[in-house]
Amino acid sequence: MGEPSIPPDIRDFINRHIDSVAQLEALLMMRSSPDTVWDVAAASKRLYVSQQEAGDTLDRLCANGLLTCKDGNYRYECAPELRATVDELALAYSRLLIPITNLIHAKPRRIREFADAFKFRKER
């Protein structure tokens, strides 16, 4: 019996917006408590990553329209056109943890880093 497949819209969303499991976990963590405001230190502690990685992760999610940032505080305010897909991703991740993490880990790192070099980022 083969591994269950990831729905095409979720696969596409991950390929376009998610570059690490930490990003996915941050997105889903913030989605689960949309009224909570997170700073880099709190997110770092909760995600078990360095503050540098947490900051980069949160900034990337903001650049993709999945979070908002104001004065170093982040919260889940997903762009309306992405909200249903994020909800579907949360459900899929609970059922397809291994296939989804494998998809994320299979993304070529050098291509992501090259693409990131062309993105403009806001100062925190």
PDB file of N, CA and C in Angstrom:
ATOM      1  N   MET A   1       0.838  -1.173   0.000  1.00  0.00           N
ATOM      2  CA  MET A   1       0.000   0.000   0.000  1.00  0.00           C
ATOM      3  C   MET A   1       0.884   1.236   0.000  1.00  0.00           C
ATOM      4  N   GLY A   2       0.610   2.205  -0.874  1.00  0.00           N
ATOM      5  CA  GLY A   2       1.427   3.397  -1.009  1.00  0.00           C
ATOM      6  C   GLY A   2       1.074   4.463   0.008  1.00  0.00           C
ATOM      7  N   GLU A   3       1.915   5.469   0.042  1.00  0.00           N
ATOM      8  CA  GLU A   3       1.722   6.608   0.925  1.00  0.00           C
ATOM      9  C   GLU A   3       0.531   7.435   0.431  1.00  0.00           C
ATOM     10  N   PRO A   4      -0.338   7.921   1.337  1.00  0.00           N
ATOM     11  CA  PRO A   4      -1.462   8.754   0.886  1.00  0.00           C
ATOM     12  C   PRO A   4      -0.936  10.007   0.181  1.00  0.00           C
ATOM     13  N   SER A   5      -1.674  10.466  -0.799  1.00  0.00           N
ATOM     14  CA  SER A   5      -1.179  11.606  -1.564  1.00  0.00           C
ATOM     15  C   SER A   5      -1.718  12.921  -1.014  1.00  0.00           C
ATOM     16  N   ILE A   6      -0.908  13.931  -1.191  1.00  0.00           N
ATOM     17  CA  ILE A   6      -1.246  15.285  -0.772  1.00  0.00           C
ATOM     18  C   ILE A   6      -2.135  15.890  -1.851  1.00  0.00           C
ATOM     19  N   PRO A   7      -3.268  16.496  -1.471  1.00  0.00           N
ATOM     20  CA  PRO A   7      -4.127  17.132  -2.483  1.00  0.00           C
ATOM     21  C   PRO A   7      -3.340  18.168  -3.296  1.00  0.00           C
ATOM     22  N   PRO A   8      -3.623  18.275  -4.579  1.00  0.00           N
ATOM     23  CA  PRO A   8      -2.860  19.179  -5.455  1.00  0.00           C
ATOM     24  C   PRO A   8      -2.831  20.633  -4.979  1.00  0.00           C
ATOM     25  N   ASP A   9      -3.941  21.157  -4.452  1.00  0.00           N
ATOM     26  CA  ASP A   9      -3.936  22.553  -4.014  1.00  0.00           C
ATOM     27  C   ASP A   9      -3.039  22.755  -2.791  1.00  0.00           C
ATOM     28  N   ILE A  10      -2.967  21.760  -1.929  1.00  0.00           N
ATOM     29  CA  ILE A  10      -2.081  21.836  -0.759  1.00  0.00           C
ATOM     30  C   ILE A  10      -0.629  21.714  -1.205  1.00  0.00           C
ATOM     31  N   ARG A  11      -0.358  20.805  -2.115  1.00  0.00           N
ATOM     32  CA  ARG A  11       0.990  20.650  -2.666  1.00  0.00           C
ATOM     33  C   ARG A  11       1.465  21.966  -3.296  1.00  0.00           C
ATOM     34  N   ASP A  12       0.594  22.591  -4.081  1.00  0.00           N
ATOM     35  CA  ASP A  12       0.933  23.860  -4.728  1.00  0.00           C
ATOM     36  C   ASP A  12       1.185  24.957  -3.688  1.00  0.00           C
ATOM     37  N   PHE A  13       0.333  25.033  -2.667  1.00  0.00           N
ATOM     38  CA  PHE A  13       0.497  26.035  -1.617  1.00  0.00           C
ATOM     39  C   PHE A  13       1.841  25.859  -0.921  1.00  0.00           C
ATOM     40  N   ILE A  14       2.176  24.632  -0.559  1.00  0.00           N
ATOM     41  CA  ILE A  14       3.459  24.368   0.100  1.00  0.00           C
ATOM     42  C   ILE A  14       4.611  24.756  -0.816  1.00  0.00           C
ATOM     43  N   ASN A  15       4.530  24.386  -2.066  1.00  0.00           N
ATOM     44  CA  ASN A  15       5.608  24.722  -3.000  1.00  0.00           C
ATOM     45  C   ASN A  15       5.787  26.224  -3.168  1.00  0.00           C
ATOM     46  N   ARG A  16       4.703  26.971  -3.069  1.00  0.00           N
ATOM     47  CA  ARG A  16       4.787  28.424  -3.242  1.00  0.00           C
ATOM     48  C   ARG A  16       5.106  29.187  -1.953  1.00  0.00           C
ATOM     49  N   HIS A  17       4.670  28.680  -0.794  1.00  0.00           N
ATOM     50  CA  HIS A  17       4.711  29.485   0.425  1.00  0.00           C
ATOM     51  C   HIS A  17       5.483  28.916   1.602  1.00  0.00           C
ATOM     52  N   ILE A  18       5.783  27.634   1.618  1.00  0.00           N
ATOM     53  CA  ILE A  18       6.382  27.017   2.800  1.00  0.00           C
ATOM     54  C   ILE A  18       7.746  26.430   2.441  1.00  0.00           C
ATOM     55  N   ASP A  19       8.786  26.892   3.148  1.00  0.00           N
ATOM     56  CA  ASP A  19      10.140  26.420   2.866  1.00  0.00           C
ATOM     57  C   ASP A  19      10.742  25.574   3.968  1.00  0.00           C
ATOM     58  N   SER A  20      10.067  25.481   5.097  1.00  0.00           N
ATOM     59  CA  SER A  20      10.603  24.676   6.196  1.00  0.00           C
ATOM     60  C   SER A  20       9.456  24.189   7.069  1.00  0.00           C
ATOM     61  N   VAL A  21       9.735  23.144   7.807  1.00  0.00           N
ATOM     62  CA  VAL A  21       8.741  22.646   8.749  1.00  0.00           C
ATOM     63  C   VAL A  21       8.497  23.708   9.817  1.00  0.00           C
ATOM     64  N   ALA A  22       9.532  24.457  10.188  1.00  0.00           N
ATOM     65  CA  ALA A  22       9.356  25.540  11.164  1.00  0.00           C
ATOM     66  C   ALA A  22       8.350  26.575  10.657  1.00  0.00           C
ATOM     67  N   GLN A  23       8.399  26.903   9.370  1.00  0.00           N
ATOM     68  CA  GLN A  23       7.417  27.837   8.801  1.00  0.00           C
ATOM     69  C   GLN A  23       6.010  27.264   8.901  1.00  0.00           C
ATOM     70  N   LEU A  24       5.862  26.021   8.536  1.00  0.00           N
ATOM     71  CA  LEU A  24       4.555  25.391   8.601  1.00  0.00           C
ATOM     72  C   LEU A  24       4.046  25.354  10.035  1.00  0.00           C
ATOM     73  N   GLU A  25       4.905  24.948  10.959  1.00  0.00           N
ATOM     74  CA  GLU A  25       4.512  24.886  12.365  1.00  0.00           C
ATOM     75  C   GLU A  25       4.156  26.276  12.902  1.00  0.00           C
ATOM     76  N   ALA A  26       4.915  27.293  12.521  1.00  0.00           N
ATOM     77  CA  ALA A  26       4.618  28.662  12.958  1.00  0.00           C
ATOM     78  C   ALA A  26       3.259  29.111  12.426  1.00  0.00           C
ATOM     79  N   LEU A  27       3.020  28.852  11.163  1.00  0.00           N
ATOM     80  CA  LEU A  27       1.745  29.232  10.556  1.00  0.00           C
ATOM     81  C   LEU A  27       0.579  28.557  11.269  1.00  0.00           C
ATOM     82  N   LEU A  28       0.689  27.262  11.484  1.00  0.00           N
ATOM     83  CA  LEU A  28      -0.407  26.525  12.116  1.00  0.00           C
ATOM     84  C   LEU A  28      -0.562  26.892  13.591  1.00  0.00           C
ATOM     85  N   MET A  29       0.546  27.182  14.264  1.00  0.00           N
ATOM     86  CA  MET A  29       0.493  27.620  15.654  1.00  0.00           C
ATOM     87  C   MET A  29      -0.281  28.942  15.759  1.00  0.00           C
ATOM     88  N   MET A  30       0.049  29.864  14.891  1.00  0.00           N
ATOM     89  CA  MET A  30      -0.593  31.176  14.934  1.00  0.00           C
ATOM     90  C   MET A  30      -2.046  31.098  14.463  1.00  0.00           C
ATOM     91  N   ARG A  31      -2.307  30.228  13.506  1.00  0.00           N
ATOM     92  CA  ARG A  31      -3.676  30.028  13.029  1.00  0.00           C
ATOM     93  C   ARG A  31      -4.567  29.501  14.148  1.00  0.00           C
ATOM     94  N   SER A  32      -4.014  28.644  15.003  1.00  0.00           N
ATOM     95  CA  SER A  32      -4.815  28.036  16.062  1.00  0.00           C
ATOM     96  C   SER A  32      -5.185  29.028  17.167  1.00  0.00           C
ATOM     97  N   SER A  33      -4.493  30.154  17.234  1.00  0.00           N
ATOM     98  CA  SER A  33      -4.835  31.191  18.216  1.00  0.00           C
ATOM     99  C   SER A  33      -4.717  32.566  17.552  1.00  0.00           C
ATOM    100  N   PRO A  34      -5.667  32.887  16.670  1.00  0.00           N
ATOM    101  CA  PRO A  34      -5.553  34.105  15.859  1.00  0.00           C
ATOM    102  C   PRO A  34      -5.573  35.409  16.649  1.00  0.00           C
ATOM    103  N   ASP A  35      -6.044  35.389  17.879  1.00  0.00           N
ATOM    104  CA  ASP A  35      -6.065  36.618  18.676  1.00  0.00           C
ATOM    105  C   ASP A  35      -4.776  36.828  19.464  1.00  0.00           C
ATOM    106  N   THR A  36      -3.891  35.845  19.434  1.00  0.00           N
ATOM    107  CA  THR A  36      -2.629  35.946  20.155  1.00  0.00           C
ATOM    108  C   THR A  36      -1.608  36.690  19.303  1.00  0.00           C
ATOM    109  N   VAL A  37      -0.879  37.583  19.948  1.00  0.00           N
ATOM    110  CA  VAL A  37       0.208  38.318  19.299  1.00  0.00           C
ATOM    111  C   VAL A  37       1.515  37.693  19.764  1.00  0.00           C
ATOM    112  N   TRP A  38       2.400  37.408  18.820  1.00  0.00           N
ATOM    113  CA  TRP A  38       3.666  36.739  19.106  1.00  0.00           C
ATOM    114  C   TRP A  38       4.833  37.656  18.790  1.00  0.00           C
ATOM    115  N   ASP A  39       5.847  37.641  19.631  1.00  0.00           N
ATOM    116  CA  ASP A  39       7.105  38.275  19.266  1.00  0.00           C
ATOM    117  C   ASP A  39       8.090  37.166  18.897  1.00  0.00           C
ATOM    118  N   VAL A  40       9.239  37.557  18.403  1.00  0.00           N
ATOM    119  CA  VAL A  40      10.219  36.577  17.931  1.00  0.00           C
ATOM    120  C   VAL A  40      10.666  35.651  19.066  1.00  0.00           C
ATOM    121  N   ALA A  41      10.901  36.207  20.244  1.00  0.00           N
ATOM    122  CA  ALA A  41      11.379  35.390  21.364  1.00  0.00           C
ATOM    123  C   ALA A  41      10.359  34.314  21.739  1.00  0.00           C
ATOM    124  N   ALA A  42       9.094  34.678  21.827  1.00  0.00           N
ATOM    125  CA  ALA A  42       8.054  33.705  22.197  1.00  0.00           C
ATOM    126  C   ALA A  42       7.896  32.642  21.114  1.00  0.00           C
ATOM    127  N   ALA A  43       7.922  33.072  19.858  1.00  0.00           N
ATOM    128  CA  ALA A  43       7.799  32.106  18.760  1.00  0.00           C
ATOM    129  C   ALA A  43       8.998  31.165  18.737  1.00  0.00           C
ATOM    130  N   SER A  44      10.184  31.711  18.960  1.00  0.00           N
ATOM    131  CA  SER A  44      11.404  30.905  18.986  1.00  0.00           C
ATOM    132  C   SER A  44      11.310  29.819  20.052  1.00  0.00           C
ATOM    133  N   LYS A  45      10.867  30.208  21.222  1.00  0.00           N
ATOM    134  CA  LYS A  45      10.751  29.256  22.329  1.00  0.00           C
ATOM    135  C   LYS A  45       9.723  28.169  22.015  1.00  0.00           C
ATOM    136  N   ARG A  46       8.600  28.562  21.470  1.00  0.00           N
ATOM    137  CA  ARG A  46       7.516  27.614  21.185  1.00  0.00           C
ATOM    138  C   ARG A  46       7.861  26.665  20.036  1.00  0.00           C
ATOM    139  N   LEU A  47       8.632  27.171  19.056  1.00  0.00           N
ATOM    140  CA  LEU A  47       8.986  26.365  17.875  1.00  0.00           C
ATOM    141  C   LEU A  47      10.298  25.598  18.042  1.00  0.00           C
ATOM    142  N   TYR A  48      11.014  25.858  19.132  1.00  0.00           N
ATOM    143  CA  TYR A  48      12.298  25.203  19.384  1.00  0.00           C
ATOM    144  C   TYR A  48      13.317  25.502  18.289  1.00  0.00           C
ATOM    145  N   VAL A  49      13.388  26.781  17.903  1.00  0.00           N
ATOM    146  CA  VAL A  49      14.378  27.231  16.929  1.00  0.00           C
ATOM    147  C   VAL A  49      15.057  28.475  17.489  1.00  0.00           C
ATOM    148  N   SER A  50      16.169  28.867  16.881  1.00  0.00           N
ATOM    149  CA  SER A  50      16.859  30.078  17.323  1.00  0.00           C
ATOM    150  C   SER A  50      15.991  31.312  17.050  1.00  0.00           C
ATOM    151  N   GLN A  51      16.303  32.397  17.734  1.00  0.00           N
ATOM    152  CA  GLN A  51      15.552  33.626  17.481  1.00  0.00           C
ATOM    153  C   GLN A  51      15.771  34.121  16.053  1.00  0.00           C
ATOM    154  N   GLN A  52      16.970  33.926  15.537  1.00  0.00           N
ATOM    155  CA  GLN A  52      17.238  34.321  14.144  1.00  0.00           C
ATOM    156  C   GLN A  52      16.339  33.545  13.186  1.00  0.00           C
ATOM    157  N   GLU A  53      16.266  32.221  13.375  1.00  0.00           N
ATOM    158  CA  GLU A  53      15.417  31.403  12.498  1.00  0.00           C
ATOM    159  C   GLU A  53      13.945  31.760  12.675  1.00  0.00           C
ATOM    160  N   ALA A  54      13.531  31.985  13.909  1.00  0.00           N
ATOM    161  CA  ALA A  54      12.132  32.364  14.149  1.00  0.00           C
ATOM    162  C   ALA A  54      11.806  33.688  13.463  1.00  0.00           C
ATOM    163  N   GLY A  55      12.701  34.654  13.574  1.00  0.00           N
ATOM    164  CA  GLY A  55      12.477  35.946  12.923  1.00  0.00           C
ATOM    165  C   GLY A  55      12.397  35.816  11.416  1.00  0.00           C
ATOM    166  N   ASP A  56      13.316  35.061  10.843  1.00  0.00           N
ATOM    167  CA  ASP A  56      13.295  34.839   9.392  1.00  0.00           C
ATOM    168  C   ASP A  56      12.013  34.123   8.966  1.00  0.00           C
ATOM    169  N   THR A  57      11.607  33.135   9.763  1.00  0.00           N
ATOM    170  CA  THR A  57      10.398  32.367   9.475  1.00  0.00           C
ATOM    171  C   THR A  57       9.171  33.257   9.497  1.00  0.00           C
ATOM    172  N   LEU A  58       9.035  34.059  10.541  1.00  0.00           N
ATOM    173  CA  LEU A  58       7.866  34.937  10.669  1.00  0.00           C
ATOM    174  C   LEU A  58       7.861  36.001   9.569  1.00  0.00           C
ATOM    175  N   ASP A  59       9.033  36.551   9.259  1.00  0.00           N
ATOM    176  CA  ASP A  59       9.110  37.549   8.186  1.00  0.00           C
ATOM    177  C   ASP A  59       8.707  36.955   6.841  1.00  0.00           C
ATOM    178  N   ARG A  60       9.124  35.743   6.590  1.00  0.00           N
ATOM    179  CA  ARG A  60       8.775  35.077   5.332  1.00  0.00           C
ATOM    180  C   ARG A  60       7.268  34.852   5.241  1.00  0.00           C
ATOM    181  N   LEU A  61       6.650  34.431   6.349  1.00  0.00           N
ATOM    182  CA  LEU A  61       5.200  34.238   6.359  1.00  0.00           C
ATOM    183  C   LEU A  61       4.467  35.567   6.146  1.00  0.00           C
ATOM    184  N   CYS A  62       5.010  36.638   6.697  1.00  0.00           N
ATOM    185  CA  CYS A  62       4.421  37.971   6.466  1.00  0.00           C
ATOM    186  C   CYS A  62       4.529  38.356   4.989  1.00  0.00           C
ATOM    187  N   ALA A  63       5.693  38.133   4.410  1.00  0.00           N
ATOM    188  CA  ALA A  63       5.905  38.468   2.996  1.00  0.00           C
ATOM    189  C   ALA A  63       4.959  37.688   2.093  1.00  0.00           C
ATOM    190  N   ASN A  64       4.547  36.505   2.532  1.00  0.00           N
ATOM    191  CA  ASN A  64       3.633  35.674   1.748  1.00  0.00           C
ATOM    192  C   ASN A  64       2.163  35.946   2.047  1.00  0.00           C
ATOM    193  N   GLY A  65       1.873  36.967   2.862  1.00  0.00           N
ATOM    194  CA  GLY A  65       0.487  37.332   3.149  1.00  0.00           C
ATOM    195  C   GLY A  65      -0.222  36.405   4.114  1.00  0.00           C
ATOM    196  N   LEU A  66       0.555  35.695   4.941  1.00  0.00           N
ATOM    197  CA  LEU A  66      -0.038  34.734   5.865  1.00  0.00           C
ATOM    198  C   LEU A  66      -0.087  35.254   7.300  1.00  0.00           C
ATOM    199  N   LEU A  67       0.788  36.198   7.632  1.00  0.00           N
ATOM    200  CA  LEU A  67       0.817  36.848   8.938  1.00  0.00           C
ATOM    201  C   LEU A  67       0.923  38.348   8.719  1.00  0.00           C
ATOM    202  N   THR A  68       0.664  39.094   9.786  1.00  0.00           N
ATOM    203  CA  THR A  68       0.953  40.525   9.764  1.00  0.00           C
ATOM    204  C   THR A  68       1.970  40.814  10.857  1.00  0.00           C
ATOM    205  N   CYS A  69       2.706  41.884  10.687  1.00  0.00           N
ATOM    206  CA  CYS A  69       3.708  42.276  11.667  1.00  0.00           C
ATOM    207  C   CYS A  69       3.578  43.777  11.919  1.00  0.00           C
ATOM    208  N   LYS A  70       3.567  44.118  13.189  1.00  0.00           N
ATOM    209  CA  LYS A  70       3.542  45.528  13.570  1.00  0.00           C
ATOM    210  C   LYS A  70       4.403  45.674  14.814  1.00  0.00           C
ATOM    211  N   ASP A  71       5.411  46.522  14.714  1.00  0.00           N
ATOM    212  CA  ASP A  71       6.309  46.802  15.843  1.00  0.00           C
ATOM    213  C   ASP A  71       6.917  45.533  16.439  1.00  0.00           C
ATOM    214  N   GLY A  72       7.312  44.598  15.595  1.00  0.00           N
ATOM    215  CA  GLY A  72       7.945  43.372  16.057  1.00  0.00           C
ATOM    216  C   GLY A  72       6.993  42.335  16.631  1.00  0.00           C
ATOM    217  N   ASN A  73       5.701  42.572  16.476  1.00  0.00           N
ATOM    218  CA  ASN A  73       4.687  41.634  16.950  1.00  0.00           C
ATOM    219  C   ASN A  73       3.960  41.038  15.761  1.00  0.00           C
ATOM    220  N   TYR A  74       3.798  39.726  15.793  1.00  0.00           N
ATOM    221  CA  TYR A  74       3.225  38.989  14.671  1.00  0.00           C
ATOM    222  C   TYR A  74       1.890  38.371  15.083  1.00  0.00           C
ATOM    223  N   ARG A  75       0.988  38.301  14.110  1.00  0.00           N
ATOM    224  CA  ARG A  75      -0.278  37.617  14.354  1.00  0.00           C
ATOM    225  C   ARG A  75      -0.788  37.030  13.050  1.00  0.00           C
ATOM    226  N   TYR A  76      -1.651  36.051  13.193  1.00  0.00           N
ATOM    227  CA  TYR A  76      -2.247  35.394  12.032  1.00  0.00           C
ATOM    228  C   TYR A  76      -3.334  36.290  11.470  1.00  0.00           C
ATOM    229  N   GLU A  77      -3.112  36.779  10.293  1.00  0.00           N
ATOM    230  CA  GLU A  77      -4.110  37.512   9.520  1.00  0.00           C
ATOM    231  C   GLU A  77      -3.864  37.149   8.073  1.00  0.00           C
ATOM    232  N   CYS A  78      -4.322  35.992   7.748  1.00  0.00           N
ATOM    233  CA  CYS A  78      -4.108  35.431   6.424  1.00  0.00           C
ATOM    234  C   CYS A  78      -4.896  36.213   5.380  1.00  0.00           C
ATOM    235  N   ALA A  79      -4.292  36.402   4.229  1.00  0.00           N
ATOM    236  CA  ALA A  79      -4.998  37.036   3.121  1.00  0.00           C
ATOM    237  C   ALA A  79      -6.266  36.224   2.834  1.00  0.00           C
ATOM    238  N   PRO A  80      -7.398  36.889   2.624  1.00  0.00           N
ATOM    239  CA  PRO A  80      -8.669  36.169   2.438  1.00  0.00           C
ATOM    240  C   PRO A  80      -8.617  35.069   1.382  1.00  0.00           C
ATOM    241  N   GLU A  81      -7.892  35.295   0.306  1.00  0.00           N
ATOM    242  CA  GLU A  81      -7.841  34.301  -0.767  1.00  0.00           C
ATOM    243  C   GLU A  81      -7.022  33.065  -0.391  1.00  0.00           C
ATOM    244  N   LEU A  82      -6.275  33.135   0.711  1.00  0.00           N
ATOM    245  CA  LEU A  82      -5.465  31.997   1.153  1.00  0.00           C
ATOM    246  C   LEU A  82      -6.048  31.280   2.372  1.00  0.00           C
ATOM    247  N   ARG A  83      -7.014  31.897   3.031  1.00  0.00           N
ATOM    248  CA  ARG A  83      -7.542  31.372   4.303  1.00  0.00           C
ATOM    249  C   ARG A  83      -8.088  29.943   4.179  1.00  0.00           C
ATOM    250  N   ALA A  84      -8.883  29.659   3.168  1.00  0.00           N
ATOM    251  CA  ALA A  84      -9.456  28.314   3.010  1.00  0.00           C
ATOM    252  C   ALA A  84      -8.362  27.275   2.768  1.00  0.00           C
ATOM    253  N   THR A  85      -7.338  27.654   2.026  1.00  0.00           N
ATOM    254  CA  THR A  85      -6.244  26.718   1.757  1.00  0.00           C
ATOM    255  C   THR A  85      -5.445  26.446   3.026  1.00  0.00           C
ATOM    256  N   VAL A  86      -5.226  27.468   3.845  1.00  0.00           N
ATOM    257  CA  VAL A  86      -4.518  27.259   5.111  1.00  0.00           C
ATOM    258  C   VAL A  86      -5.340  26.352   6.026  1.00  0.00           C
ATOM    259  N   ASP A  87      -6.653  26.542   6.046  1.00  0.00           N
ATOM    260  CA  ASP A  87      -7.517  25.669   6.838  1.00  0.00           C
ATOM    261  C   ASP A  87      -7.425  24.224   6.341  1.00  0.00           C
ATOM    262  N   GLU A  88      -7.420  24.057   5.040  1.00  0.00           N
ATOM    263  CA  GLU A  88      -7.297  22.717   4.453  1.00  0.00           C
ATOM    264  C   GLU A  88      -5.919  22.119   4.753  1.00  0.00           C
ATOM    265  N   LEU A  89      -4.888  22.957   4.717  1.00  0.00           N
ATOM    266  CA  LEU A  89      -3.535  22.508   5.040  1.00  0.00           C
ATOM    267  C   LEU A  89      -3.459  22.007   6.481  1.00  0.00           C
ATOM    268  N   ALA A  90      -4.086  22.708   7.408  1.00  0.00           N
ATOM    269  CA  ALA A  90      -4.068  22.286   8.813  1.00  0.00           C
ATOM    270  C   ALA A  90      -4.678  20.895   8.958  1.00  0.00           C
ATOM    271  N   LEU A  91      -5.778  20.667   8.294  1.00  0.00           N
ATOM    272  CA  LEU A  91      -6.426  19.352   8.345  1.00  0.00           C
ATOM    273  C   LEU A  91      -5.551  18.291   7.671  1.00  0.00           C
ATOM    274  N   ALA A  92      -5.005  18.618   6.516  1.00  0.00           N
ATOM    275  CA  ALA A  92      -4.154  17.669   5.792  1.00  0.00           C
ATOM    276  C   ALA A  92      -2.911  17.322   6.602  1.00  0.00           C
ATOM    277  N   TYR A  93      -2.316  18.290   7.263  1.00  0.00           N
ATOM    278  CA  TYR A  93      -1.101  18.059   8.047  1.00  0.00           C
ATOM    279  C   TYR A  93      -1.374  17.098   9.203  1.00  0.00           C
ATOM    280  N   SER A  94      -2.564  17.186   9.776  1.00  0.00           N
ATOM    281  CA  SER A  94      -2.904  16.276  10.874  1.00  0.00           C
ATOM    282  C   SER A  94      -3.055  14.836  10.384  1.00  0.00           C
ATOM    283  N   ARG A  95      -3.336  14.664   9.117  1.00  0.00           N
ATOM    284  CA  ARG A  95      -3.534  13.328   8.543  1.00  0.00           C
ATOM    285  C   ARG A  95      -2.347  12.840   7.716  1.00  0.00           C
ATOM    286  N   LEU A  96      -1.592  13.773   7.164  1.00  0.00           N
ATOM    287  CA  LEU A  96      -0.518  13.437   6.218  1.00  0.00           C
ATOM    288  C   LEU A  96       0.814  14.030   6.661  1.00  0.00           C
ATOM    289  N   LEU A  97       1.122  13.923   7.931  1.00  0.00           N
ATOM    290  CA  LEU A  97       2.322  14.524   8.498  1.00  0.00           C
ATOM    291  C   LEU A  97       3.585  14.129   7.732  1.00  0.00           C
ATOM    292  N   ILE A  98       3.790  12.837   7.543  1.00  0.00           N
ATOM    293  CA  ILE A  98       5.021  12.362   6.892  1.00  0.00           C
ATOM    294  C   ILE A  98       5.094  12.812   5.426  1.00  0.00           C
ATOM    295  N   PRO A  99       4.054  12.606   4.608  1.00  0.00           N
ATOM    296  CA  PRO A  99       4.147  13.068   3.221  1.00  0.00           C
ATOM    297  C   PRO A  99       4.364  14.585   3.105  1.00  0.00           C
ATOM    298  N   ILE A 100       3.731  15.351   3.982  1.00  0.00           N
ATOM    299  CA  ILE A 100       3.894  16.811   3.906  1.00  0.00           C
ATOM    300  C   ILE A 100       5.296  17.225   4.331  1.00  0.00           C
ATOM    301  N   THR A 101       5.811  16.645   5.412  1.00  0.00           N
ATOM    302  CA  THR A 101       7.178  16.996   5.803  1.00  0.00           C
ATOM    303  C   THR A 101       8.183  16.525   4.757  1.00  0.00           C
ATOM    304  N   ASN A 102       7.938  15.377   4.149  1.00  0.00           N
ATOM    305  CA  ASN A 102       8.829  14.912   3.070  1.00  0.00           C
ATOM    306  C   ASN A 102       8.813  15.884   1.891  1.00  0.00           C
ATOM    307  N   LEU A 103       7.649  16.395   1.545  1.00  0.00           N
ATOM    308  CA  LEU A 103       7.541  17.375   0.452  1.00  0.00           C
ATOM    309  C   LEU A 103       8.349  18.626   0.771  1.00  0.00           C
ATOM    310  N   ILE A 104       8.227  19.110   1.990  1.00  0.00           N
ATOM    311  CA  ILE A 104       8.967  20.315   2.388  1.00  0.00           C
ATOM    312  C   ILE A 104      10.468  20.057   2.338  1.00  0.00           C
ATOM    313  N   HIS A 105      10.902  18.927   2.880  1.00  0.00           N
ATOM    314  CA  HIS A 105      12.340  18.615   2.898  1.00  0.00           C
ATOM    315  C   HIS A 105      12.896  18.352   1.508  1.00  0.00           C
ATOM    316  N   ALA A 106      12.056  17.989   0.568  1.00  0.00           N
ATOM    317  CA  ALA A 106      12.513  17.695  -0.791  1.00  0.00           C
ATOM    318  C   ALA A 106      12.725  18.961  -1.625  1.00  0.00           C
ATOM    319  N   LYS A 107      12.259  20.101  -1.130  1.00  0.00           N
ATOM    320  CA  LYS A 107      12.431  21.333  -1.905  1.00  0.00           C
ATOM    321  C   LYS A 107      13.907  21.699  -1.973  1.00  0.00           C
ATOM    322  N   PRO A 108      14.397  22.007  -3.172  1.00  0.00           N
ATOM    323  CA  PRO A 108      15.816  22.362  -3.317  1.00  0.00           C
ATOM    324  C   PRO A 108      16.162  23.650  -2.558  1.00  0.00           C
ATOM    325  N   ARG A 109      17.087  23.552  -1.620  1.00  0.00           N
ATOM    326  CA  ARG A 109      17.466  24.675  -0.764  1.00  0.00           C
ATOM    327  C   ARG A 109      18.135  25.804  -1.554  1.00  0.00           C
ATOM    328  N   ARG A 110      19.021  25.474  -2.470  1.00  0.00           N
ATOM    329  CA  ARG A 110      19.726  26.522  -3.211  1.00  0.00           C
ATOM    330  C   ARG A 110      18.770  27.349  -4.058  1.00  0.00           C
ATOM    331  N   ILE A 111      17.759  26.722  -4.609  1.00  0.00           N
ATOM    332  CA  ILE A 111      16.777  27.457  -5.412  1.00  0.00           C
ATOM    333  C   ILE A 111      16.005  28.414  -4.521  1.00  0.00           C
ATOM    334  N   ARG A 112      15.619  27.972  -3.317  1.00  0.00           N
ATOM    335  CA  ARG A 112      14.903  28.850  -2.383  1.00  0.00           C
ATOM    336  C   ARG A 112      15.773  30.029  -1.994  1.00  0.00           C
ATOM    337  N   GLU A 113      17.050  29.767  -1.689  1.00  0.00           N
ATOM    338  CA  GLU A 113      17.954  30.839  -1.287  1.00  0.00           C
ATOM    339  C   GLU A 113      18.162  31.831  -2.424  1.00  0.00           C
ATOM    340  N   PHE A 114      18.273  31.334  -3.642  1.00  0.00           N
ATOM    341  CA  PHE A 114      18.423  32.210  -4.798  1.00  0.00           C
ATOM    342  C   PHE A 114      17.185  33.085  -4.965  1.00  0.00           C
ATOM    343  N   ALA A 115      16.014  32.484  -4.868  1.00  0.00           N
ATOM    344  CA  ALA A 115      14.762  33.238  -4.991  1.00  0.00           C
ATOM    345  C   ALA A 115      14.632  34.264  -3.878  1.00  0.00           C
ATOM    346  N   ASP A 116      15.048  33.909  -2.668  1.00  0.00           N
ATOM    347  CA  ASP A 116      14.964  34.827  -1.538  1.00  0.00           C
ATOM    348  C   ASP A 116      15.820  36.068  -1.750  1.00  0.00           C
ATOM    349  N   ALA A 117      16.899  35.934  -2.496  1.00  0.00           N
ATOM    350  CA  ALA A 117      17.773  37.075  -2.732  1.00  0.00           C
ATOM    351  C   ALA A 117      17.065  38.197  -3.477  1.00  0.00           C
ATOM    352  N   PHE A 118      15.956  37.887  -4.159  1.00  0.00           N
ATOM    353  CA  PHE A 118      15.233  38.879  -4.934  1.00  0.00           C
ATOM    354  C   PHE A 118      14.012  39.429  -4.217  1.00  0.00           C
ATOM    355  N   LYS A 119      13.783  39.002  -2.996  1.00  0.00           N
ATOM    356  CA  LYS A 119      12.613  39.471  -2.242  1.00  0.00           C
ATOM    357  C   LYS A 119      13.014  40.661  -1.376  1.00  0.00           C
ATOM    358  N   PHE A 120      12.139  41.625  -1.326  1.00  0.00           N
ATOM    359  CA  PHE A 120      12.342  42.771  -0.454  1.00  0.00           C
ATOM    360  C   PHE A 120      11.734  42.435   0.895  1.00  0.00           C
ATOM    361  N   ARG A 121      12.438  42.766   1.956  1.00  0.00           N
ATOM    362  CA  ARG A 121      11.947  42.452   3.297  1.00  0.00           C
ATOM    363  C   ARG A 121      11.852  43.735   4.106  1.00  0.00           C
ATOM    364  N   LYS A 122      10.829  43.762   4.953  1.00  0.00           N
ATOM    365  CA  LYS A 122      10.669  44.884   5.866  1.00  0.00           C
ATOM    366  C   LYS A 122      11.609  44.700   7.033  1.00  0.00           C
ATOM    367  N   GLU A 123      12.039  45.804   7.612  1.00  0.00           N
ATOM    368  CA  GLU A 123      12.819  45.744   8.828  1.00  0.00           C
ATOM    369  C   GLU A 123      11.900  45.403   9.974  1.00  0.00           C
ATOM    370  N   ARG A 124      12.384  44.595  10.900  1.00  0.00           N
ATOM    371  CA  ARG A 124      11.569  44.251  12.075  1.00  0.00           C
ATOM    372  C   ARG A 124      11.545  45.364  13.053  1.00  0.00           C
TER     373      ARG A 124
END
